[in-house]
PDB file of all heavy atoms in Angstrom:
ATOM      1  N   HIS A   1      -0.848  -3.237  -6.702  1.00  0.00           N
ATOM      2  CA  HIS A   1       0.325  -3.170  -5.827  1.00  0.00           C
ATOM      3  C   HIS A   1      -0.076  -2.728  -4.419  1.00  0.00           C
ATOM      4  O   HIS A   1       0.505  -3.186  -3.427  1.00  0.00           O
ATOM      5  CB  HIS A   1       1.364  -2.197  -6.399  1.00  0.00           C
ATOM      6  CG  HIS A   1       2.240  -2.793  -7.465  1.00  0.00           C
ATOM      7  ND1 HIS A   1       3.060  -3.881  -7.228  1.00  0.00           N
ATOM      8  CD2 HIS A   1       2.419  -2.465  -8.763  1.00  0.00           C
ATOM      9  CE1 HIS A   1       3.720  -4.188  -8.339  1.00  0.00           C
ATOM     10  NE2 HIS A   1       3.341  -3.354  -9.280  1.00  0.00           N
ATOM     11  N   LEU A   2      -1.062  -1.857  -4.311  1.00  0.00           N
ATOM     12  CA  LEU A   2      -1.513  -1.405  -2.991  1.00  0.00           C
ATOM     13  C   LEU A   2      -2.175  -2.538  -2.212  1.00  0.00           C
ATOM     14  O   LEU A   2      -1.993  -2.666  -1.004  1.00  0.00           O
ATOM     15  CB  LEU A   2      -2.488  -0.242  -3.137  1.00  0.00           C
ATOM     16  CG  LEU A   2      -1.924   1.072  -3.690  1.00  0.00           C
ATOM     17  CD1 LEU A   2      -3.027   2.110  -3.807  1.00  0.00           C
ATOM     18  CD2 LEU A   2      -0.801   1.596  -2.802  1.00  0.00           C
ATOM     19  N   HIS A   3      -2.933  -3.366  -2.913  1.00  0.00           N
ATOM     20  CA  HIS A   3      -3.648  -4.455  -2.242  1.00  0.00           C
ATOM     21  C   HIS A   3      -2.759  -5.675  -1.998  1.00  0.00           C
ATOM     22  O   HIS A   3      -3.151  -6.579  -1.258  1.00  0.00           O
ATOM     23  CB  HIS A   3      -4.875  -4.867  -3.057  1.00  0.00           C
ATOM     24  CG  HIS A   3      -6.036  -3.936  -2.889  1.00  0.00           C
ATOM     25  ND1 HIS A   3      -6.141  -2.762  -3.575  1.00  0.00           N
ATOM     26  CD2 HIS A   3      -7.137  -3.999  -2.085  1.00  0.00           C
ATOM     27  CE1 HIS A   3      -7.259  -2.140  -3.218  1.00  0.00           C
ATOM     28  NE2 HIS A   3      -7.880  -2.868  -2.313  1.00  0.00           N
ATOM     29  N   ALA A   4      -1.591  -5.724  -2.633  1.00  0.00           N
ATOM     30  CA  ALA A   4      -0.697  -6.866  -2.442  1.00  0.00           C
ATOM     31  C   ALA A   4      -0.324  -7.044  -0.976  1.00  0.00           C
ATOM     32  O   ALA A   4      -0.100  -8.166  -0.508  1.00  0.00           O
ATOM     33  CB  ALA A   4       0.568  -6.695  -3.290  1.00  0.00           C
ATOM     34  N   ALA A   5      -0.272  -5.933  -0.250  1.00  0.00           N
ATOM     35  CA  ALA A   5       0.100  -6.008   1.163  1.00  0.00           C
ATOM     36  C   ALA A   5      -0.840  -6.909   1.955  1.00  0.00           C
ATOM     37  O   ALA A   5      -0.420  -7.641   2.854  1.00  0.00           O
ATOM     38  CB  ALA A   5       0.105  -4.599   1.775  1.00  0.00           C
ATOM     39  N   PHE A   6      -2.132  -6.867   1.615  1.00  0.00           N
ATOM     40  CA  PHE A   6      -3.115  -7.636   2.383  1.00  0.00           C
ATOM     41  C   PHE A   6      -3.031  -9.140   2.102  1.00  0.00           C
ATOM     42  O   PHE A   6      -3.576  -9.942   2.857  1.00  0.00           O
ATOM     43  CB  PHE A   6      -4.525  -7.130   2.085  1.00  0.00           C
ATOM     44  CG  PHE A   6      -4.739  -5.703   2.512  1.00  0.00           C
ATOM     45  CD1 PHE A   6      -4.738  -4.679   1.580  1.00  0.00           C
ATOM     46  CD2 PHE A   6      -4.920  -5.382   3.843  1.00  0.00           C
ATOM     47  CE1 PHE A   6      -4.923  -3.360   1.971  1.00  0.00           C
ATOM     48  CE2 PHE A   6      -5.102  -4.069   4.255  1.00  0.00           C
ATOM     49  CZ  PHE A   6      -5.103  -3.051   3.304  1.00  0.00           C
ATOM     50  N   LEU A   7      -2.371  -9.525   1.030  1.00  0.00           N
ATOM     51  CA  LEU A   7      -2.207 -10.949   0.743  1.00  0.00           C
ATOM     52  C   LEU A   7      -1.242 -11.603   1.725  1.00  0.00           C
ATOM     53  O   LEU A   7      -1.378 -12.782   2.051  1.00  0.00           O
ATOM     54  CB  LEU A   7      -1.685 -11.153  -0.690  1.00  0.00           C
ATOM     55  CG  LEU A   7      -2.697 -10.935  -1.816  1.00  0.00           C
ATOM     56  CD1 LEU A   7      -1.988 -10.973  -3.166  1.00  0.00           C
ATOM     57  CD2 LEU A   7      -3.791 -11.992  -1.758  1.00  0.00           C
ATOM     58  N   GLU A   8      -0.262 -10.837   2.173  1.00  0.00           N
ATOM     59  CA  GLU A   8       0.752 -11.400   3.070  1.00  0.00           C
ATOM     60  C   GLU A   8       0.584 -10.935   4.510  1.00  0.00           C
ATOM     61  O   GLU A   8       1.158 -11.522   5.421  1.00  0.00           O
ATOM     62  CB  GLU A   8       2.150 -11.024   2.561  1.00  0.00           C
ATOM     63  CG  GLU A   8       2.461 -11.645   1.200  1.00  0.00           C
ATOM     64  CD  GLU A   8       3.861 -11.346   0.717  1.00  0.00           C
ATOM     65  OE1 GLU A   8       4.310 -10.181   0.872  1.00  0.00           O
ATOM     66  OE2 GLU A   8       4.509 -12.249   0.186  1.00  0.00           O
ATOM     67  N   ASP A   9      -0.210  -9.886   4.719  1.00  0.00           N
ATOM     68  CA  ASP A   9      -0.461  -9.397   6.075  1.00  0.00           C
ATOM     69  C   ASP A   9      -1.891  -8.878   6.150  1.00  0.00           C
ATOM     70  O   ASP A   9      -2.140  -7.671   6.071  1.00  0.00           O
ATOM     71  CB  ASP A   9       0.524  -8.280   6.436  1.00  0.00           C
ATOM     72  CG  ASP A   9       0.441  -7.889   7.907  1.00  0.00           C
ATOM     73  OD1 ASP A   9      -0.458  -8.413   8.600  1.00  0.00           O
ATOM     74  OD2 ASP A   9       1.268  -7.078   8.358  1.00  0.00           O
ATOM     75  N   PRO A  10      -2.870  -9.792   6.293  1.00  0.00           N
ATOM     76  CA  PRO A  10      -4.285  -9.389   6.335  1.00  0.00           C
ATOM     77  C   PRO A  10      -4.600  -8.413   7.462  1.00  0.00           C
ATOM     78  O   PRO A  10      -5.584  -7.678   7.394  1.00  0.00           O
ATOM     79  CB  PRO A  10      -5.026 -10.716   6.529  1.00  0.00           C
ATOM     80  CG  PRO A  10      -4.076 -11.762   6.051  1.00  0.00           C
ATOM     81  CD  PRO A  10      -2.710 -11.257   6.400  1.00  0.00           C
ATOM     82  N   ASP A  11      -3.782  -8.415   8.498  1.00  0.00           N
ATOM     83  CA  ASP A  11      -4.022  -7.548   9.647  1.00  0.00           C
ATOM     84  C   ASP A  11      -3.141  -6.303   9.623  1.00  0.00           C
ATOM     85  O   ASP A  11      -2.829  -5.718  10.666  1.00  0.00           O
ATOM     86  CB  ASP A  11      -3.775  -8.323  10.952  1.00  0.00           C
ATOM     87  CG  ASP A  11      -4.701  -9.520  11.087  1.00  0.00           C
ATOM     88  OD1 ASP A  11      -5.888  -9.381  10.742  1.00  0.00           O
ATOM     89  OD2 ASP A  11      -4.238 -10.579  11.534  1.00  0.00           O
ATOM     90  N   LEU A  12      -2.744  -5.894   8.427  1.00  0.00           N
ATOM     91  CA  LEU A  12      -1.906  -4.716   8.273  1.00  0.00           C
ATOM     92  C   LEU A  12      -2.523  -3.523   8.996  1.00  0.00           C
ATOM     93  O   LEU A  12      -3.692  -3.200   8.798  1.00  0.00           O
ATOM     94  CB  LEU A  12      -1.746  -4.388   6.784  1.00  0.00           C
ATOM     95  CG  LEU A  12      -0.924  -3.144   6.440  1.00  0.00           C
ATOM     96  CD1 LEU A  12       0.540  -3.377   6.777  1.00  0.00           C
ATOM     97  CD2 LEU A  12      -1.085  -2.806   4.960  1.00  0.00           C
ATOM     98  N   ALA A  13      -1.726  -2.888   9.858  1.00  0.00           N
ATOM     99  CA  ALA A  13      -2.226  -1.757  10.646  1.00  0.00           C
ATOM    100  C   ALA A  13      -2.417  -0.527   9.764  1.00  0.00           C
ATOM    101  O   ALA A  13      -1.502  -0.100   9.069  1.00  0.00           O
ATOM    102  CB  ALA A  13      -1.248  -1.451  11.778  1.00  0.00           C
ATOM    103  N   LEU A  14      -3.613   0.027   9.806  1.00  0.00           N
ATOM    104  CA  LEU A  14      -3.947   1.222   9.032  1.00  0.00           C
ATOM    105  C   LEU A  14      -4.294   2.356   9.998  1.00  0.00           C
ATOM    106  O   LEU A  14      -4.713   2.108  11.124  1.00  0.00           O
ATOM    107  CB  LEU A  14      -5.131   0.931   8.107  1.00  0.00           C
ATOM    108  CG  LEU A  14      -4.890  -0.123   7.024  1.00  0.00           C
ATOM    109  CD1 LEU A  14      -6.179  -0.410   6.256  1.00  0.00           C
ATOM    110  CD2 LEU A  14      -3.784   0.317   6.067  1.00  0.00           C
ATOM    111  N   PRO A  15      -4.105   3.608   9.576  1.00  0.00           N
ATOM    112  CA  PRO A  15      -3.672   4.050   8.252  1.00  0.00           C
ATOM    113  C   PRO A  15      -2.192   3.781   8.010  1.00  0.00           C
ATOM    114  O   PRO A  15      -1.410   3.656   8.951  1.00  0.00           O
ATOM    115  CB  PRO A  15      -3.973   5.548   8.278  1.00  0.00           C
ATOM    116  CG  PRO A  15      -3.858   5.916   9.730  1.00  0.00           C
ATOM    117  CD  PRO A  15      -4.401   4.742  10.480  1.00  0.00           C
ATOM    118  N   ALA A  16      -1.841   3.723   6.719  1.00  0.00           N
ATOM    119  CA  ALA A  16      -0.468   3.439   6.334  1.00  0.00           C
ATOM    120  C   ALA A  16      -0.020   4.401   5.245  1.00  0.00           C
ATOM    121  O   ALA A  16      -0.827   4.875   4.447  1.00  0.00           O
ATOM    122  CB  ALA A  16      -0.341   2.002   5.836  1.00  0.00           C
ATOM    123  N   VAL A  17       1.259   4.674   5.231  1.00  0.00           N
ATOM    124  CA  VAL A  17       1.860   5.418   4.129  1.00  0.00           C
ATOM    125  C   VAL A  17       2.564   4.397   3.245  1.00  0.00           C
ATOM    126  O   VAL A  17       3.372   3.597   3.736  1.00  0.00           O
ATOM    127  CB  VAL A  17       2.861   6.475   4.628  1.00  0.00           C
ATOM    128  CG1 VAL A  17       3.710   7.006   3.471  1.00  0.00           C
ATOM    129  CG2 VAL A  17       2.116   7.625   5.287  1.00  0.00           C
ATOM    130  N   VAL A  18       2.223   4.407   1.965  1.00  0.00           N
ATOM    131  CA  VAL A  18       2.752   3.414   1.028  1.00  0.00           C
ATOM    132  C   VAL A  18       3.668   4.088   0.021  1.00  0.00           C
ATOM    133  O   VAL A  18       3.270   5.045  -0.654  1.00  0.00           O
ATOM    134  CB  VAL A  18       1.615   2.692   0.276  1.00  0.00           C
ATOM    135  CG1 VAL A  18       2.194   1.606  -0.620  1.00  0.00           C
ATOM    136  CG2 VAL A  18       0.617   2.101   1.260  1.00  0.00           C
ATOM    137  N   LEU A  19       4.880   3.596  -0.079  1.00  0.00           N
ATOM    138  CA  LEU A  19       5.829   4.044  -1.101  1.00  0.00           C
ATOM    139  C   LEU A  19       5.768   3.040  -2.239  1.00  0.00           C
ATOM    140  O   LEU A  19       6.183   1.897  -2.097  1.00  0.00           O
ATOM    141  CB  LEU A  19       7.246   4.109  -0.527  1.00  0.00           C
ATOM    142  CG  LEU A  19       8.363   4.442  -1.527  1.00  0.00           C
ATOM    143  CD1 LEU A  19       8.203   5.865  -2.069  1.00  0.00           C
ATOM    144  CD2 LEU A  19       9.738   4.258  -0.884  1.00  0.00           C
ATOM    145  N   LEU A  20       5.186   3.463  -3.361  1.00  0.00           N
ATOM    146  CA  LEU A  20       5.032   2.589  -4.524  1.00  0.00           C
ATOM    147  C   LEU A  20       6.092   2.971  -5.545  1.00  0.00           C
ATOM    148  O   LEU A  20       6.029   4.038  -6.160  1.00  0.00           O
ATOM    149  CB  LEU A  20       3.631   2.736  -5.114  1.00  0.00           C
ATOM    150  CG  LEU A  20       3.272   1.885  -6.332  1.00  0.00           C
ATOM    151  CD1 LEU A  20       3.539   0.410  -6.062  1.00  0.00           C
ATOM    152  CD2 LEU A  20       1.810   2.091  -6.696  1.00  0.00           C
ATOM    153  N   VAL A  21       7.098   2.105  -5.721  1.00  0.00           N
ATOM    154  CA  VAL A  21       8.237   2.419  -6.589  1.00  0.00           C
ATOM    155  C   VAL A  21       8.446   1.304  -7.611  1.00  0.00           C
ATOM    156  O   VAL A  21       8.609   0.140  -7.258  1.00  0.00           O
ATOM    157  CB  VAL A  21       9.529   2.618  -5.767  1.00  0.00           C
ATOM    158  CG1 VAL A  21       9.622   4.016  -5.204  1.00  0.00           C
ATOM    159  CG2 VAL A  21       9.625   1.608  -4.626  1.00  0.00           C
ATOM    160  N   SER A  22       8.432   1.685  -8.873  1.00  0.00           N
ATOM    161  CA  SER A  22       8.622   0.706  -9.939  1.00  0.00           C
ATOM    162  C   SER A  22       9.322   1.367 -11.118  1.00  0.00           C
ATOM    163  O   SER A  22       9.761   2.514 -11.030  1.00  0.00           O
ATOM    164  CB  SER A  22       7.263   0.145 -10.386  1.00  0.00           C
ATOM    165  OG  SER A  22       6.492   1.166 -11.003  1.00  0.00           O
ATOM    166  N   GLY A  23       9.393   0.645 -12.237  1.00  0.00           N
ATOM    167  CA  GLY A  23      10.047   1.194 -13.414  1.00  0.00           C
ATOM    168  C   GLY A  23       9.300   2.358 -14.023  1.00  0.00           C
ATOM    169  O   GLY A  23       9.899   3.251 -14.623  1.00  0.00           O
ATOM    170  N   GLY A  24       7.981   2.378 -13.867  1.00  0.00           N
ATOM    171  CA  GLY A  24       7.197   3.434 -14.482  1.00  0.00           C
ATOM    172  C   GLY A  24       6.561   4.404 -13.514  1.00  0.00           C
ATOM    173  O   GLY A  24       6.018   5.431 -13.926  1.00  0.00           O
ATOM    174  N   HIS A  25       6.618   4.091 -12.215  1.00  0.00           N
ATOM    175  CA  HIS A  25       5.892   4.921 -11.248  1.00  0.00           C
ATOM    176  C   HIS A  25       6.667   5.071  -9.944  1.00  0.00           C
ATOM    177  O   HIS A  25       7.324   4.131  -9.491  1.00  0.00           O
ATOM    178  CB  HIS A  25       4.527   4.306 -10.940  1.00  0.00           C
ATOM    179  CG  HIS A  25       3.713   4.010 -12.159  1.00  0.00           C
ATOM    180  ND1 HIS A  25       2.940   4.944 -12.791  1.00  0.00           N
ATOM    181  CD2 HIS A  25       3.598   2.867 -12.892  1.00  0.00           C
ATOM    182  CE1 HIS A  25       2.360   4.411 -13.854  1.00  0.00           C
ATOM    183  NE2 HIS A  25       2.738   3.146 -13.934  1.00  0.00           N
ATOM    184  N   THR A  26       6.578   6.244  -9.354  1.00  0.00           N
ATOM    185  CA  THR A  26       7.052   6.480  -7.997  1.00  0.00           C
ATOM    186  C   THR A  26       6.003   7.349  -7.333  1.00  0.00           C
ATOM    187  O   THR A  26       5.834   8.520  -7.670  1.00  0.00           O
ATOM    188  CB  THR A  26       8.423   7.181  -7.981  1.00  0.00           C
ATOM    189  OG1 THR A  26       9.399   6.341  -8.617  1.00  0.00           O
ATOM    190  CG2 THR A  26       8.869   7.438  -6.546  1.00  0.00           C
ATOM    191  N   LEU A  27       5.264   6.749  -6.407  1.00  0.00           N
ATOM    192  CA  LEU A  27       4.145   7.411  -5.749  1.00  0.00           C
ATOM    193  C   LEU A  27       4.247   7.257  -4.241  1.00  0.00           C
ATOM    194  O   LEU A  27       4.695   6.220  -3.745  1.00  0.00           O
ATOM    195  CB  LEU A  27       2.810   6.809  -6.208  1.00  0.00           C
ATOM    196  CG  LEU A  27       2.500   6.755  -7.706  1.00  0.00           C
ATOM    197  CD1 LEU A  27       1.238   5.928  -7.937  1.00  0.00           C
ATOM    198  CD2 LEU A  27       2.325   8.150  -8.268  1.00  0.00           C
ATOM    199  N   LEU A  28       3.815   8.277  -3.529  1.00  0.00           N
ATOM    200  CA  LEU A  28       3.704   8.206  -2.078  1.00  0.00           C
ATOM    201  C   LEU A  28       2.220   8.373  -1.763  1.00  0.00           C
ATOM    202  O   LEU A  28       1.609   9.391  -2.122  1.00  0.00           O
ATOM    203  CB  LEU A  28       4.529   9.311  -1.419  1.00  0.00           C
ATOM    204  CG  LEU A  28       4.846   9.150   0.077  1.00  0.00           C
ATOM    205  CD1 LEU A  28       5.583   7.830   0.325  1.00  0.00           C
ATOM    206  CD2 LEU A  28       5.691  10.316   0.567  1.00  0.00           C
ATOM    207  N   ILE A  29       1.630   7.356  -1.128  1.00  0.00           N
ATOM    208  CA  ILE A  29       0.185   7.287  -0.963  1.00  0.00           C
ATOM    209  C   ILE A  29      -0.188   7.078   0.502  1.00  0.00           C
ATOM    210  O   ILE A  29       0.463   6.307   1.211  1.00  0.00           O
ATOM    211  CB  ILE A  29      -0.383   6.139  -1.819  1.00  0.00           C
ATOM    212  CG1 ILE A  29      -0.121   6.420  -3.304  1.00  0.00           C
ATOM    213  CG2 ILE A  29      -1.871   5.920  -1.562  1.00  0.00           C
ATOM    214  CD1 ILE A  29      -0.381   5.242  -4.203  1.00  0.00           C
ATOM    215  N   HIS A  30      -1.232   7.748   0.923  1.00  0.00           N
ATOM    216  CA  HIS A  30      -1.770   7.553   2.266  1.00  0.00           C
ATOM    217  C   HIS A  30      -2.992   6.652   2.152  1.00  0.00           C
ATOM    218  O   HIS A  30      -3.965   6.990   1.472  1.00  0.00           O
ATOM    219  CB  HIS A  30      -2.176   8.898   2.886  1.00  0.00           C
ATOM    220  CG  HIS A  30      -2.652   8.795   4.295  1.00  0.00           C
ATOM    221  ND1 HIS A  30      -3.861   9.294   4.727  1.00  0.00           N
ATOM    222  CD2 HIS A  30      -2.071   8.241   5.390  1.00  0.00           C
ATOM    223  CE1 HIS A  30      -4.003   9.072   6.020  1.00  0.00           C
ATOM    224  NE2 HIS A  30      -2.938   8.428   6.446  1.00  0.00           N
ATOM    225  N   MET A  31      -2.955   5.485   2.780  1.00  0.00           N
ATOM    226  CA  MET A  31      -4.051   4.522   2.708  1.00  0.00           C
ATOM    227  C   MET A  31      -4.773   4.455   4.044  1.00  0.00           C
ATOM    228  O   MET A  31      -4.195   4.055   5.058  1.00  0.00           O
ATOM    229  CB  MET A  31      -3.523   3.133   2.326  1.00  0.00           C
ATOM    230  CG  MET A  31      -4.612   2.070   2.245  1.00  0.00           C
ATOM    231  SD  MET A  31      -3.980   0.392   1.961  1.00  0.00           S
ATOM    232  CE  MET A  31      -3.416   0.515   0.267  1.00  0.00           C
ATOM    233  N   ASP A  32      -6.051   4.848   4.033  1.00  0.00           N
ATOM    234  CA  ASP A  32      -6.865   4.787   5.254  1.00  0.00           C
ATOM    235  C   ASP A  32      -7.473   3.406   5.443  1.00  0.00           C
ATOM    236  O   ASP A  32      -7.634   2.923   6.557  1.00  0.00           O
ATOM    237  CB  ASP A  32      -7.998   5.821   5.188  1.00  0.00           C
ATOM    238  CG  ASP A  32      -7.469   7.242   5.251  1.00  0.00           C
ATOM    239  OD1 ASP A  32      -6.601   7.502   6.086  1.00  0.00           O
ATOM    240  OD2 ASP A  32      -7.921   8.084   4.452  1.00  0.00           O
ATOM    241  N   ALA A  33      -7.856   2.782   4.316  1.00  0.00           N
ATOM    242  CA  ALA A  33      -8.470   1.461   4.328  1.00  0.00           C
ATOM    243  C   ALA A  33      -8.341   0.896   2.923  1.00  0.00           C
ATOM    244  O   ALA A  33      -7.925   1.594   1.992  1.00  0.00           O
ATOM    245  CB  ALA A  33      -9.939   1.550   4.734  1.00  0.00           C
ATOM    246  N   ALA A  34      -8.682  -0.366   2.765  1.00  0.00           N
ATOM    247  CA  ALA A  34      -8.634  -0.965   1.437  1.00  0.00           C
ATOM    248  C   ALA A  34      -9.554  -0.181   0.505  1.00  0.00           C
ATOM    249  O   ALA A  34     -10.734  -0.021   0.772  1.00  0.00           O
ATOM    250  CB  ALA A  34      -9.083  -2.426   1.504  1.00  0.00           C
ATOM    251  N   GLY A  35      -8.987   0.348  -0.563  1.00  0.00           N
ATOM    252  CA  GLY A  35      -9.775   1.103  -1.518  1.00  0.00           C
ATOM    253  C   GLY A  35      -9.946   2.562  -1.179  1.00  0.00           C
ATOM    254  O   GLY A  35     -10.528   3.320  -1.953  1.00  0.00           O
TER     255      GLY A  35
END
């Protein structure tokens, strides 16, 4: 789910704060770079 962003926006500006929300997870993540 974190890497899905790069499929639609390869030039995504980093660092980014990612809100990952689903049926089993709710996470707030700081992404400096891929991985």
